[in-house]
Amino acid sequence: MNSLDIIFAVTVAAFALLGLKRGFVIEIFRLVALIGGFITAYLGHGFVLPYLGMPHIPEQIRIAIAFIAAFGAAAASLLMLGWLIKKIVHLAMLGWLDRILGACAGVAKSLVLIWVTVLALSVLPTSIFSDIRSGSVFYRTLTRIPLSLLDPPHDRLKRYERHLTKTPSSKQEEAKRRSNKFLEKARSPKYLAKRASVHPKLHSGNRP
Protein backbone atom coordinates (compact mmCIF):
# COMPACT_ATOMS: atom_id res chain seq x y z
CA MET A 1 0.00 0.00 0.00
CA ASN A 2 1.35 3.40 -0.99
CA SER A 3 0.23 7.03 -0.94
CA LEU A 4 -2.27 6.46 -3.78
CA ASP A 5 -3.92 3.66 -1.81
CA ILE A 6 -4.12 5.89 1.26
CA ILE A 7 -5.89 8.60 -0.76
CA PHE A 8 -8.33 6.05 -2.17
CA ALA A 9 -8.94 4.49 1.26
CA VAL A 10 -9.66 7.91 2.78
CA THR A 11 -12.08 8.59 -0.10
CA VAL A 12 -13.94 5.33 0.55
CA ALA A 13 -14.14 6.05 4.28
CA ALA A 14 -15.38 9.61 3.69
CA PHE A 15 -18.12 8.48 1.30
CA ALA A 16 -19.12 5.70 3.69
CA LEU A 17 -19.46 8.16 6.57
CA LEU A 18 -21.47 10.57 4.41
CA GLY A 19 -23.74 7.74 3.32
CA LEU A 20 -24.13 6.62 6.92
CA LYS A 21 -25.09 10.14 7.95
CA ARG A 22 -27.46 10.83 5.07
CA GLY A 23 -29.02 7.40 4.81
CA PHE A 24 -29.91 5.30 1.80
CA VAL A 25 -33.11 7.16 0.97
CA ILE A 26 -31.38 10.53 0.73
CA GLU A 27 -28.47 9.04 -1.24
CA ILE A 28 -30.88 7.60 -3.79
CA PHE A 29 -33.00 10.74 -4.00
CA ARG A 30 -29.91 12.90 -4.49
CA LEU A 31 -29.17 10.86 -7.60
CA VAL A 32 -32.82 10.93 -8.66
CA ALA A 33 -32.94 14.69 -8.10
CA LEU A 34 -29.88 15.20 -10.27
CA ILE A 35 -31.19 13.09 -13.15
CA GLY A 36 -34.83 14.12 -12.78
CA GLY A 37 -33.93 17.79 -12.45
CA PHE A 38 -31.88 17.70 -15.64
CA ILE A 39 -34.63 15.92 -17.59
CA THR A 40 -37.27 18.31 -16.27
CA ALA A 41 -35.14 21.34 -17.10
CA TYR A 42 -34.40 20.02 -20.59
CA LEU A 43 -38.04 19.29 -21.38
CA GLY A 44 -39.75 22.02 -19.39
CA HIS A 45 -37.60 25.15 -19.53
CA GLY A 46 -39.77 26.36 -22.42
CA PHE A 47 -42.76 26.54 -20.09
CA VAL A 48 -40.79 28.77 -17.70
CA LEU A 49 -39.70 31.30 -20.32
CA PRO A 50 -43.03 33.19 -20.59
CA TYR A 51 -43.02 33.85 -16.84
CA LEU A 52 -39.51 35.29 -16.72
CA GLY A 53 -40.22 38.60 -18.35
CA MET A 54 -36.95 40.53 -18.75
CA PRO A 55 -37.47 41.31 -22.46
CA HIS A 56 -34.24 43.34 -22.68
CA ILE A 57 -32.05 40.33 -21.80
CA PRO A 58 -30.71 38.29 -24.74
CA GLU A 59 -32.69 35.17 -25.56
CA GLN A 60 -29.80 32.79 -24.82
CA ILE A 61 -29.44 34.17 -21.30
CA ARG A 62 -33.19 33.93 -20.70
CA ILE A 63 -33.12 30.27 -21.81
CA ALA A 64 -30.20 29.57 -19.46
CA ILE A 65 -32.03 31.21 -16.56
CA ALA A 66 -35.19 29.23 -17.35
CA PHE A 67 -33.18 26.01 -17.51
CA ILE A 68 -31.54 26.67 -14.14
CA ALA A 69 -34.87 27.64 -12.56
CA ALA A 70 -36.60 24.49 -13.84
CA PHE A 71 -33.71 22.32 -12.69
CA GLY A 72 -33.65 23.89 -9.23
CA ALA A 73 -37.40 23.58 -8.75
CA ALA A 74 -37.51 19.92 -9.85
CA ALA A 75 -34.43 18.93 -7.84
CA ALA A 76 -35.68 20.70 -4.71
CA SER A 77 -39.07 18.99 -5.01
CA LEU A 78 -37.50 15.54 -5.33
CA LEU A 79 -35.13 16.17 -2.42
CA MET A 80 -38.07 17.27 -0.28
CA LEU A 81 -39.90 14.07 -1.21
CA GLY A 82 -36.83 12.06 -0.24
CA TRP A 83 -36.62 13.87 3.09
CA LEU A 84 -40.27 13.05 3.83
CA ILE A 85 -39.76 9.38 2.94
CA LYS A 86 -36.70 9.27 5.16
CA LYS A 87 -38.74 10.61 8.09
CA ILE A 88 -41.38 7.94 7.49
CA VAL A 89 -38.72 5.22 7.36
CA HIS A 90 -37.19 6.41 10.64
CA LEU A 91 -40.62 6.57 12.28
CA ALA A 92 -41.09 2.93 11.27
CA MET A 93 -38.00 2.03 13.33
CA LEU A 94 -35.99 1.25 10.19
CA GLY A 95 -33.51 4.08 10.59
CA TRP A 96 -30.63 1.66 11.27
CA LEU A 97 -31.28 -0.14 7.99
CA ASP A 98 -31.47 3.16 6.13
CA ARG A 99 -28.09 4.20 7.54
CA ILE A 100 -26.39 0.86 6.81
CA LEU A 101 -27.65 0.84 3.23
CA GLY A 102 -26.62 4.48 2.95
CA ALA A 103 -23.07 3.58 3.96
CA CYS A 104 -23.05 0.79 1.36
CA ALA A 105 -24.29 3.22 -1.28
CA GLY A 106 -21.55 5.65 -0.30
CA VAL A 107 -18.89 2.96 -0.65
CA ALA A 108 -20.28 2.00 -4.06
CA LYS A 109 -20.17 5.63 -5.23
CA SER A 110 -16.59 6.01 -4.01
CA LEU A 111 -15.49 2.83 -5.81
CA VAL A 112 -17.03 4.07 -9.06
CA LEU A 113 -15.23 7.39 -8.64
CA ILE A 114 -11.94 5.63 -7.87
CA TRP A 115 -12.40 3.31 -10.84
CA VAL A 116 -12.89 6.28 -13.17
CA THR A 117 -9.75 7.86 -11.69
CA VAL A 118 -7.81 4.63 -12.24
CA LEU A 119 -8.99 4.48 -15.86
CA ALA A 120 -7.80 8.05 -16.34
CA LEU A 121 -4.40 7.18 -14.86
CA SER A 122 -4.08 4.04 -16.98
CA VAL A 123 -4.11 6.01 -20.24
CA LEU A 124 -1.14 8.10 -19.15
CA PRO A 125 2.33 7.15 -20.38
CA THR A 126 3.96 4.45 -18.27
CA SER A 127 6.76 6.84 -17.30
CA ILE A 128 4.30 9.06 -15.38
CA PHE A 129 3.66 7.91 -11.79
CA SER A 130 4.98 4.46 -12.73
CA ASP A 131 6.21 3.60 -9.21
CA ILE A 132 3.01 4.79 -7.55
CA ARG A 133 0.78 2.93 -9.99
CA SER A 134 2.73 -0.33 -9.85
CA GLY A 135 2.72 -0.32 -6.05
CA SER A 136 -0.95 0.56 -5.60
CA VAL A 137 -3.28 -2.26 -4.58
CA PHE A 138 -6.34 -0.28 -5.70
CA TYR A 139 -4.78 0.43 -9.08
CA ARG A 140 -3.75 -3.16 -9.78
CA THR A 141 -7.14 -4.50 -8.67
CA LEU A 142 -9.37 -2.05 -10.52
CA THR A 143 -7.41 -2.24 -13.77
CA ARG A 144 -8.35 -5.93 -13.94
CA ILE A 145 -12.00 -4.99 -14.42
CA PRO A 146 -12.73 -5.89 -18.06
CA LEU A 147 -12.85 -2.77 -20.16
CA SER A 148 -14.76 -4.77 -22.77
CA LEU A 149 -17.88 -3.83 -20.82
CA LEU A 150 -17.39 -0.29 -22.09
CA ASP A 151 -17.08 -1.34 -25.74
CA PRO A 152 -19.91 -0.68 -28.18
CA PRO A 153 -22.37 -3.58 -28.57
CA HIS A 154 -21.33 -4.33 -32.17
CA ASP A 155 -17.69 -4.80 -31.04
CA ARG A 156 -18.79 -7.30 -28.40
CA LEU A 157 -20.93 -9.06 -31.04
CA LYS A 158 -17.96 -9.38 -33.38
CA ARG A 159 -15.82 -10.89 -30.62
CA TYR A 160 -18.62 -13.32 -29.80
CA GLU A 161 -18.93 -14.35 -33.46
CA ARG A 162 -15.17 -14.97 -33.63
CA HIS A 163 -15.48 -17.06 -30.49
CA LEU A 164 -18.24 -19.15 -32.06
CA THR A 165 -16.15 -19.84 -35.15
CA LYS A 166 -13.32 -21.17 -33.01
CA THR A 167 -15.25 -23.35 -30.60
CA PRO A 168 -16.92 -25.99 -32.86
CA SER A 169 -13.67 -27.80 -33.71
CA SER A 170 -12.62 -28.00 -30.08
CA LYS A 171 -16.08 -29.23 -29.09
CA GLN A 172 -15.99 -31.87 -31.81
CA GLU A 173 -12.61 -33.07 -30.61
CA GLU A 174 -13.91 -33.26 -27.05
CA ALA A 175 -17.00 -35.22 -28.17
CA LYS A 176 -14.84 -37.58 -30.22
CA ARG A 177 -12.50 -38.16 -27.30
CA ARG A 178 -15.41 -38.98 -24.99
CA SER A 179 -16.93 -41.30 -27.59
CA ASN A 180 -13.67 -43.22 -27.99
CA LYS A 181 -13.33 -43.49 -24.24
CA PHE A 182 -16.85 -44.90 -23.96
CA LEU A 183 -16.21 -47.44 -26.74
CA GLU A 184 -13.01 -48.60 -25.05
CA LYS A 185 -14.91 -49.08 -21.83
CA ALA A 186 -17.79 -50.90 -23.57
CA ARG A 187 -15.38 -53.34 -25.25
CA SER A 188 -13.38 -54.12 -22.14
CA PRO A 189 -13.72 -57.73 -20.82
CA LYS A 190 -14.65 -56.49 -17.36
CA TYR A 191 -17.57 -54.44 -18.71
CA LEU A 192 -18.76 -57.30 -20.96
CA ALA A 193 -18.63 -59.77 -18.07
CA LYS A 194 -20.59 -57.42 -15.84
CA ARG A 195 -23.20 -56.90 -18.52
CA ALA A 196 -23.50 -60.64 -19.10
CA SER A 197 -24.17 -61.20 -15.42
CA VAL A 198 -26.94 -58.59 -15.45
CA HIS A 199 -28.56 -59.73 -18.73
CA PRO A 200 -27.65 -63.42 -19.11
CA LYS A 201 -30.37 -64.15 -21.67
CA LEU A 202 -29.18 -61.46 -24.05
CA HIS A 203 -25.63 -62.78 -24.05
CA SER A 204 -26.56 -66.46 -24.17
CA GLY A 205 -28.61 -65.98 -27.31
CA ASN A 206 -31.87 -67.19 -25.69
CA ARG A 207 -35.10 -65.38 -26.38
CA PRO A 208 -38.35 -65.56 -24.40
C-alpha atoms as a PDB file:
ATOM      1  CA  MET A   1       0.000   0.000   0.000  1.00  0.00           C
ATOM      2  CA  ASN A   2       1.353   3.404  -0.986  1.00  0.00           C
ATOM      3  CA  SER A   3       0.227   7.027  -0.944  1.00  0.00           C
ATOM      4  CA  LEU A   4      -2.274   6.459  -3.776  1.00  0.00           C
ATOM      5  CA  ASP A   5      -3.924   3.658  -1.806  1.00  0.00           C
ATOM      6  CA  ILE A   6      -4.119   5.886   1.257  1.00  0.00           C
ATOM      7  CA  ILE A   7      -5.890   8.596  -0.761  1.00  0.00           C
ATOM      8  CA  PHE A   8      -8.334   6.046  -2.171  1.00  0.00           C
ATOM      9  CA  ALA A   9      -8.942   4.489   1.261  1.00  0.00           C
ATOM     10  CA  VAL A  10      -9.664   7.907   2.782  1.00  0.00           C
ATOM     11  CA  THR A  11     -12.078   8.591  -0.098  1.00  0.00           C
ATOM     12  CA  VAL A  12     -13.935   5.328   0.548  1.00  0.00           C
ATOM     13  CA  ALA A  13     -14.135   6.049   4.280  1.00  0.00           C
ATOM     14  CA  ALA A  14     -15.384   9.611   3.692  1.00  0.00           C
ATOM     15  CA  PHE A  15     -18.115   8.476   1.297  1.00  0.00           C
ATOM     16  CA  ALA A  16     -19.115   5.697   3.692  1.00  0.00           C
ATOM     17  CA  LEU A  17     -19.464   8.163   6.568  1.00  0.00           C
ATOM     18  CA  LEU A  18     -21.466  10.570   4.412  1.00  0.00           C
ATOM     19  CA  GLY A  19     -23.737   7.735   3.318  1.00  0.00           C
ATOM     20  CA  LEU A  20     -24.127   6.615   6.922  1.00  0.00           C
ATOM     21  CA  LYS A  21     -25.089  10.137   7.955  1.00  0.00           C
ATOM     22  CA  ARG A  22     -27.463  10.835   5.067  1.00  0.00           C
ATOM     23  CA  GLY A  23     -29.018   7.399   4.810  1.00  0.00           C
ATOM     24  CA  PHE A  24     -29.906   5.296   1.800  1.00  0.00           C
ATOM     25  CA  VAL A  25     -33.110   7.163   0.968  1.00  0.00           C
ATOM     26  CA  ILE A  26     -31.377  10.531   0.731  1.00  0.00           C
ATOM     27  CA  GLU A  27     -28.473   9.044  -1.244  1.00  0.00           C
ATOM     28  CA  ILE A  28     -30.876   7.595  -3.791  1.00  0.00           C
ATOM     29  CA  PHE A  29     -32.996  10.742  -3.995  1.00  0.00           C
ATOM     30  CA  ARG A  30     -29.907  12.900  -4.492  1.00  0.00           C
ATOM     31  CA  LEU A  31     -29.165  10.861  -7.596  1.00  0.00           C
ATOM     32  CA  VAL A  32     -32.821  10.926  -8.659  1.00  0.00           C
ATOM     33  CA  ALA A  33     -32.945  14.693  -8.100  1.00  0.00           C
ATOM     34  CA  LEU A  34     -29.876  15.200 -10.275  1.00  0.00           C
ATOM     35  CA  ILE A  35     -31.191  13.093 -13.152  1.00  0.00           C
ATOM     36  CA  GLY A  36     -34.827  14.122 -12.784  1.00  0.00           C
ATOM     37  CA  GLY A  37     -33.929  17.789 -12.454  1.00  0.00           C
ATOM     38  CA  PHE A  38     -31.879  17.700 -15.636  1.00  0.00           C
ATOM     39  CA  ILE A  39     -34.627  15.920 -17.594  1.00  0.00           C
ATOM     40  CA  THR A  40     -37.268  18.314 -16.274  1.00  0.00           C
ATOM     41  CA  ALA A  41     -35.137  21.336 -17.105  1.00  0.00           C
ATOM     42  CA  TYR A  42     -34.400  20.020 -20.589  1.00  0.00           C
ATOM     43  CA  LEU A  43     -38.040  19.294 -21.382  1.00  0.00           C
ATOM     44  CA  GLY A  44     -39.753  22.022 -19.391  1.00  0.00           C
ATOM     45  CA  HIS A  45     -37.603  25.148 -19.534  1.00  0.00           C
ATOM     46  CA  GLY A  46     -39.768  26.361 -22.424  1.00  0.00           C
ATOM     47  CA  PHE A  47     -42.764  26.543 -20.089  1.00  0.00           C
ATOM     48  CA  VAL A  48     -40.795  28.766 -17.701  1.00  0.00           C
ATOM     49  CA  LEU A  49     -39.701  31.302 -20.322  1.00  0.00           C
ATOM     50  CA  PRO A  50     -43.034  33.194 -20.594  1.00  0.00           C
ATOM     51  CA  TYR A  51     -43.022  33.845 -16.841  1.00  0.00           C
ATOM     52  CA  LEU A  52     -39.507  35.290 -16.716  1.00  0.00           C
ATOM     53  CA  GLY A  53     -40.218  38.603 -18.353  1.00  0.00           C
ATOM     54  CA  MET A  54     -36.951  40.534 -18.748  1.00  0.00           C
ATOM     55  CA  PRO A  55     -37.466  41.312 -22.461  1.00  0.00           C
ATOM     56  CA  HIS A  56     -34.241  43.339 -22.682  1.00  0.00           C
ATOM     57  CA  ILE A  57     -32.052  40.329 -21.796  1.00  0.00           C
ATOM     58  CA  PRO A  58     -30.709  38.289 -24.744  1.00  0.00           C
ATOM     59  CA  GLU A  59     -32.694  35.171 -25.564  1.00  0.00           C
ATOM     60  CA  GLN A  60     -29.798  32.790 -24.821  1.00  0.00           C
ATOM     61  CA  ILE A  61     -29.437  34.170 -21.299  1.00  0.00           C
ATOM     62  CA  ARG A  62     -33.192  33.926 -20.701  1.00  0.00           C
ATOM     63  CA  ILE A  63     -33.118  30.274 -21.809  1.00  0.00           C
ATOM     64  CA  ALA A  64     -30.204  29.575 -19.465  1.00  0.00           C
ATOM     65  CA  ILE A  65     -32.032  31.214 -16.556  1.00  0.00           C
ATOM     66  CA  ALA A  66     -35.193  29.234 -17.348  1.00  0.00           C
ATOM     67  CA  PHE A  67     -33.179  26.011 -17.512  1.00  0.00           C
ATOM     68  CA  ILE A  68     -31.539  26.670 -14.135  1.00  0.00           C
ATOM     69  CA  ALA A  69     -34.868  27.641 -12.565  1.00  0.00           C
ATOM     70  CA  ALA A  70     -36.603  24.493 -13.836  1.00  0.00           C
ATOM     71  CA  PHE A  71     -33.707  22.324 -12.694  1.00  0.00           C
ATOM     72  CA  GLY A  72     -33.649  23.893  -9.233  1.00  0.00           C
ATOM     73  CA  ALA A  73     -37.404  23.577  -8.749  1.00  0.00           C
ATOM     74  CA  ALA A  74     -37.507  19.924  -9.846  1.00  0.00           C
ATOM     75  CA  ALA A  75     -34.428  18.927  -7.838  1.00  0.00           C
ATOM     76  CA  ALA A  76     -35.681  20.697  -4.707  1.00  0.00           C
ATOM     77  CA  SER A  77     -39.071  18.986  -5.008  1.00  0.00           C
ATOM     78  CA  LEU A  78     -37.497  15.543  -5.334  1.00  0.00           C
ATOM     79  CA  LEU A  79     -35.129  16.173  -2.423  1.00  0.00           C
ATOM     80  CA  MET A  80     -38.066  17.274  -0.280  1.00  0.00           C
ATOM     81  CA  LEU A  81     -39.897  14.074  -1.212  1.00  0.00           C
ATOM     82  CA  GLY A  82     -36.833  12.058  -0.242  1.00  0.00           C
ATOM     83  CA  TRP A  83     -36.624  13.867   3.095  1.00  0.00           C
ATOM     84  CA  LEU A  84     -40.272  13.050   3.832  1.00  0.00           C
ATOM     85  CA  ILE A  85     -39.759   9.383   2.936  1.00  0.00           C
ATOM     86  CA  LYS A  86     -36.698   9.272   5.165  1.00  0.00           C
ATOM     87  CA  LYS A  87     -38.741  10.606   8.094  1.00  0.00           C
ATOM     88  CA  ILE A  88     -41.381   7.941   7.490  1.00  0.00           C
ATOM     89  CA  VAL A  89     -38.720   5.223   7.365  1.00  0.00           C
ATOM     90  CA  HIS A  90     -37.191   6.409  10.638  1.00  0.00           C
ATOM     91  CA  LEU A  91     -40.618   6.569  12.283  1.00  0.00           C
ATOM     92  CA  ALA A  92     -41.092   2.928  11.266  1.00  0.00           C
ATOM     93  CA  MET A  93     -37.998   2.029  13.328  1.00  0.00           C
ATOM     94  CA  LEU A  94     -35.989   1.249  10.194  1.00  0.00           C
ATOM     95  CA  GLY A  95     -33.507   4.077  10.587  1.00  0.00           C
ATOM     96  CA  TRP A  96     -30.630   1.665  11.269  1.00  0.00           C
ATOM     97  CA  LEU A  97     -31.281  -0.144   7.992  1.00  0.00           C
ATOM     98  CA  ASP A  98     -31.473   3.158   6.132  1.00  0.00           C
ATOM     99  CA  ARG A  99     -28.090   4.196   7.535  1.00  0.00           C
ATOM    100  CA  ILE A 100     -26.392   0.864   6.815  1.00  0.00           C
ATOM    101  CA  LEU A 101     -27.653   0.842   3.235  1.00  0.00           C
ATOM    102  CA  GLY A 102     -26.619   4.482   2.947  1.00  0.00           C
ATOM    103  CA  ALA A 103     -23.065   3.578   3.962  1.00  0.00           C
ATOM    104  CA  CYS A 104     -23.055   0.785   1.364  1.00  0.00           C
ATOM    105  CA  ALA A 105     -24.289   3.218  -1.283  1.00  0.00           C
ATOM    106  CA  GLY A 106     -21.546   5.653  -0.298  1.00  0.00           C
ATOM    107  CA  VAL A 107     -18.890   2.958  -0.646  1.00  0.00           C
ATOM    108  CA  ALA A 108     -20.283   1.998  -4.064  1.00  0.00           C
ATOM    109  CA  LYS A 109     -20.173   5.629  -5.227  1.00  0.00           C
ATOM    110  CA  SER A 110     -16.594   6.006  -4.009  1.00  0.00           C
ATOM    111  CA  LEU A 111     -15.488   2.834  -5.814  1.00  0.00           C
ATOM    112  CA  VAL A 112     -17.031   4.071  -9.058  1.00  0.00           C
ATOM    113  CA  LEU A 113     -15.232   7.393  -8.635  1.00  0.00           C
ATOM    114  CA  ILE A 114     -11.944   5.626  -7.866  1.00  0.00           C
ATOM    115  CA  TRP A 115     -12.397   3.308 -10.844  1.00  0.00           C
ATOM    116  CA  VAL A 116     -12.890   6.277 -13.173  1.00  0.00           C
ATOM    117  CA  THR A 117      -9.748   7.855 -11.693  1.00  0.00           C
ATOM    118  CA  VAL A 118      -7.807   4.630 -12.244  1.00  0.00           C
ATOM    119  CA  LEU A 119      -8.985   4.483 -15.863  1.00  0.00           C
ATOM    120  CA  ALA A 120      -7.798   8.051 -16.343  1.00  0.00           C
ATOM    121  CA  LEU A 121      -4.400   7.178 -14.862  1.00  0.00           C
ATOM    122  CA  SER A 122      -4.084   4.040 -16.976  1.00  0.00           C
ATOM    123  CA  VAL A 123      -4.115   6.010 -20.244  1.00  0.00           C
ATOM    124  CA  LEU A 124      -1.144   8.104 -19.146  1.00  0.00           C
ATOM    125  CA  PRO A 125       2.331   7.155 -20.381  1.00  0.00           C
ATOM    126  CA  THR A 126       3.965   4.454 -18.274  1.00  0.00           C
ATOM    127  CA  SER A 127       6.757   6.840 -17.296  1.00  0.00           C
ATOM    128  CA  ILE A 128       4.303   9.059 -15.377  1.00  0.00           C
ATOM    129  CA  PHE A 129       3.661   7.908 -11.789  1.00  0.00           C
ATOM    130  CA  SER A 130       4.978   4.458 -12.728  1.00  0.00           C
ATOM    131  CA  ASP A 131       6.206   3.604  -9.213  1.00  0.00           C
ATOM    132  CA  ILE A 132       3.009   4.792  -7.554  1.00  0.00           C
ATOM    133  CA  ARG A 133       0.778   2.929  -9.993  1.00  0.00           C
ATOM    134  CA  SER A 134       2.726  -0.326  -9.852  1.00  0.00           C
ATOM    135  CA  GLY A 135       2.724  -0.318  -6.049  1.00  0.00           C
ATOM    136  CA  SER A 136      -0.946   0.559  -5.597  1.00  0.00           C
ATOM    137  CA  VAL A 137      -3.283  -2.263  -4.579  1.00  0.00           C
ATOM    138  CA  PHE A 138      -6.338  -0.282  -5.697  1.00  0.00           C
ATOM    139  CA  TYR A 139      -4.784   0.434  -9.080  1.00  0.00           C
ATOM    140  CA  ARG A 140      -3.747  -3.157  -9.776  1.00  0.00           C
ATOM    141  CA  THR A 141      -7.136  -4.501  -8.675  1.00  0.00           C
ATOM    142  CA  LEU A 142      -9.371  -2.050 -10.520  1.00  0.00           C
ATOM    143  CA  THR A 143      -7.414  -2.245 -13.771  1.00  0.00           C
ATOM    144  CA  ARG A 144      -8.352  -5.930 -13.938  1.00  0.00           C
ATOM    145  CA  ILE A 145     -12.001  -4.995 -14.421  1.00  0.00           C
ATOM    146  CA  PRO A 146     -12.726  -5.891 -18.056  1.00  0.00           C
ATOM    147  CA  LEU A 147     -12.853  -2.767 -20.161  1.00  0.00           C
ATOM    148  CA  SER A 148     -14.757  -4.767 -22.772  1.00  0.00           C
ATOM    149  CA  LEU A 149     -17.885  -3.830 -20.823  1.00  0.00           C
ATOM    150  CA  LEU A 150     -17.392  -0.290 -22.092  1.00  0.00           C
ATOM    151  CA  ASP A 151     -17.080  -1.343 -25.745  1.00  0.00           C
ATOM    152  CA  PRO A 152     -19.915  -0.679 -28.182  1.00  0.00           C
ATOM    153  CA  PRO A 153     -22.368  -3.582 -28.573  1.00  0.00           C
ATOM    154  CA  HIS A 154     -21.330  -4.327 -32.165  1.00  0.00           C
ATOM    155  CA  ASP A 155     -17.694  -4.801 -31.036  1.00  0.00           C
ATOM    156  CA  ARG A 156     -18.787  -7.302 -28.404  1.00  0.00           C
ATOM    157  CA  LEU A 157     -20.929  -9.060 -31.037  1.00  0.00           C
ATOM    158  CA  LYS A 158     -17.956  -9.377 -33.383  1.00  0.00           C
ATOM    159  CA  ARG A 159     -15.822 -10.889 -30.621  1.00  0.00           C
ATOM    160  CA  TYR A 160     -18.621 -13.325 -29.800  1.00  0.00           C
ATOM    161  CA  GLU A 161     -18.931 -14.354 -33.458  1.00  0.00           C
ATOM    162  CA  ARG A 162     -15.172 -14.966 -33.629  1.00  0.00           C
ATOM    163  CA  HIS A 163     -15.475 -17.065 -30.487  1.00  0.00           C
ATOM    164  CA  LEU A 164     -18.240 -19.154 -32.061  1.00  0.00           C
ATOM    165  CA  THR A 165     -16.149 -19.837 -35.148  1.00  0.00           C
ATOM    166  CA  LYS A 166     -13.323 -21.172 -33.006  1.00  0.00           C
ATOM    167  CA  THR A 167     -15.253 -23.354 -30.597  1.00  0.00           C
ATOM    168  CA  PRO A 168     -16.919 -25.990 -32.856  1.00  0.00           C
ATOM    169  CA  SER A 169     -13.669 -27.803 -33.713  1.00  0.00           C
ATOM    170  CA  SER A 170     -12.619 -28.004 -30.083  1.00  0.00           C
ATOM    171  CA  LYS A 171     -16.076 -29.227 -29.095  1.00  0.00           C
ATOM    172  CA  GLN A 172     -15.993 -31.867 -31.814  1.00  0.00           C
ATOM    173  CA  GLU A 173     -12.610 -33.075 -30.611  1.00  0.00           C
ATOM    174  CA  GLU A 174     -13.910 -33.263 -27.055  1.00  0.00           C
ATOM    175  CA  ALA A 175     -16.998 -35.217 -28.167  1.00  0.00           C
ATOM    176  CA  LYS A 176     -14.836 -37.583 -30.222  1.00  0.00           C
ATOM    177  CA  ARG A 177     -12.497 -38.162 -27.298  1.00  0.00           C
ATOM    178  CA  ARG A 178     -15.407 -38.979 -24.990  1.00  0.00           C
ATOM    179  CA  SER A 179     -16.934 -41.302 -27.594  1.00  0.00           C
ATOM    180  CA  ASN A 180     -13.672 -43.222 -27.987  1.00  0.00           C
ATOM    181  CA  LYS A 181     -13.326 -43.495 -24.242  1.00  0.00           C
ATOM    182  CA  PHE A 182     -16.847 -44.895 -23.960  1.00  0.00           C
ATOM    183  CA  LEU A 183     -16.207 -47.437 -26.740  1.00  0.00           C
ATOM    184  CA  GLU A 184     -13.014 -48.603 -25.050  1.00  0.00           C
ATOM    185  CA  LYS A 185     -14.908 -49.079 -21.825  1.00  0.00           C
ATOM    186  CA  ALA A 186     -17.786 -50.897 -23.568  1.00  0.00           C
ATOM    187  CA  ARG A 187     -15.380 -53.344 -25.251  1.00  0.00           C
ATOM    188  CA  SER A 188     -13.385 -54.118 -22.140  1.00  0.00           C
ATOM    189  CA  PRO A 189     -13.720 -57.729 -20.823  1.00  0.00           C
ATOM    190  CA  LYS A 190     -14.648 -56.489 -17.359  1.00  0.00           C
ATOM    191  CA  TYR A 191     -17.565 -54.443 -18.712  1.00  0.00           C
ATOM    192  CA  LEU A 192     -18.759 -57.302 -20.956  1.00  0.00           C
ATOM    193  CA  ALA A 193     -18.634 -59.774 -18.072  1.00  0.00           C
ATOM    194  CA  LYS A 194     -20.588 -57.420 -15.839  1.00  0.00           C
ATOM    195  CA  ARG A 195     -23.196 -56.901 -18.525  1.00  0.00           C
ATOM    196  CA  ALA A 196     -23.500 -60.643 -19.104  1.00  0.00           C
ATOM    197  CA  SER A 197     -24.167 -61.198 -15.418  1.00  0.00           C
ATOM    198  CA  VAL A 198     -26.939 -58.592 -15.445  1.00  0.00           C
ATOM    199  CA  HIS A 199     -28.556 -59.731 -18.726  1.00  0.00           C
ATOM    200  CA  PRO A 200     -27.647 -63.421 -19.106  1.00  0.00           C
ATOM    201  CA  LYS A 201     -30.367 -64.150 -21.674  1.00  0.00           C
ATOM    202  CA  LEU A 202     -29.185 -61.462 -24.052  1.00  0.00           C
ATOM    203  CA  HIS A 203     -25.627 -62.782 -24.047  1.00  0.00           C
ATOM    204  CA  SER A 204     -26.563 -66.462 -24.173  1.00  0.00           C
ATOM    205  CA  GLY A 205     -28.612 -65.985 -27.313  1.00  0.00           C
ATOM    206  CA  ASN A 206     -31.869 -67.195 -25.689  1.00  0.00           C
ATOM    207  CA  ARG A 207     -35.098 -65.378 -26.383  1.00  0.00           C
ATOM    208  CA  PRO A 208     -38.350 -65.563 -24.401  1.00  0.00           C
END
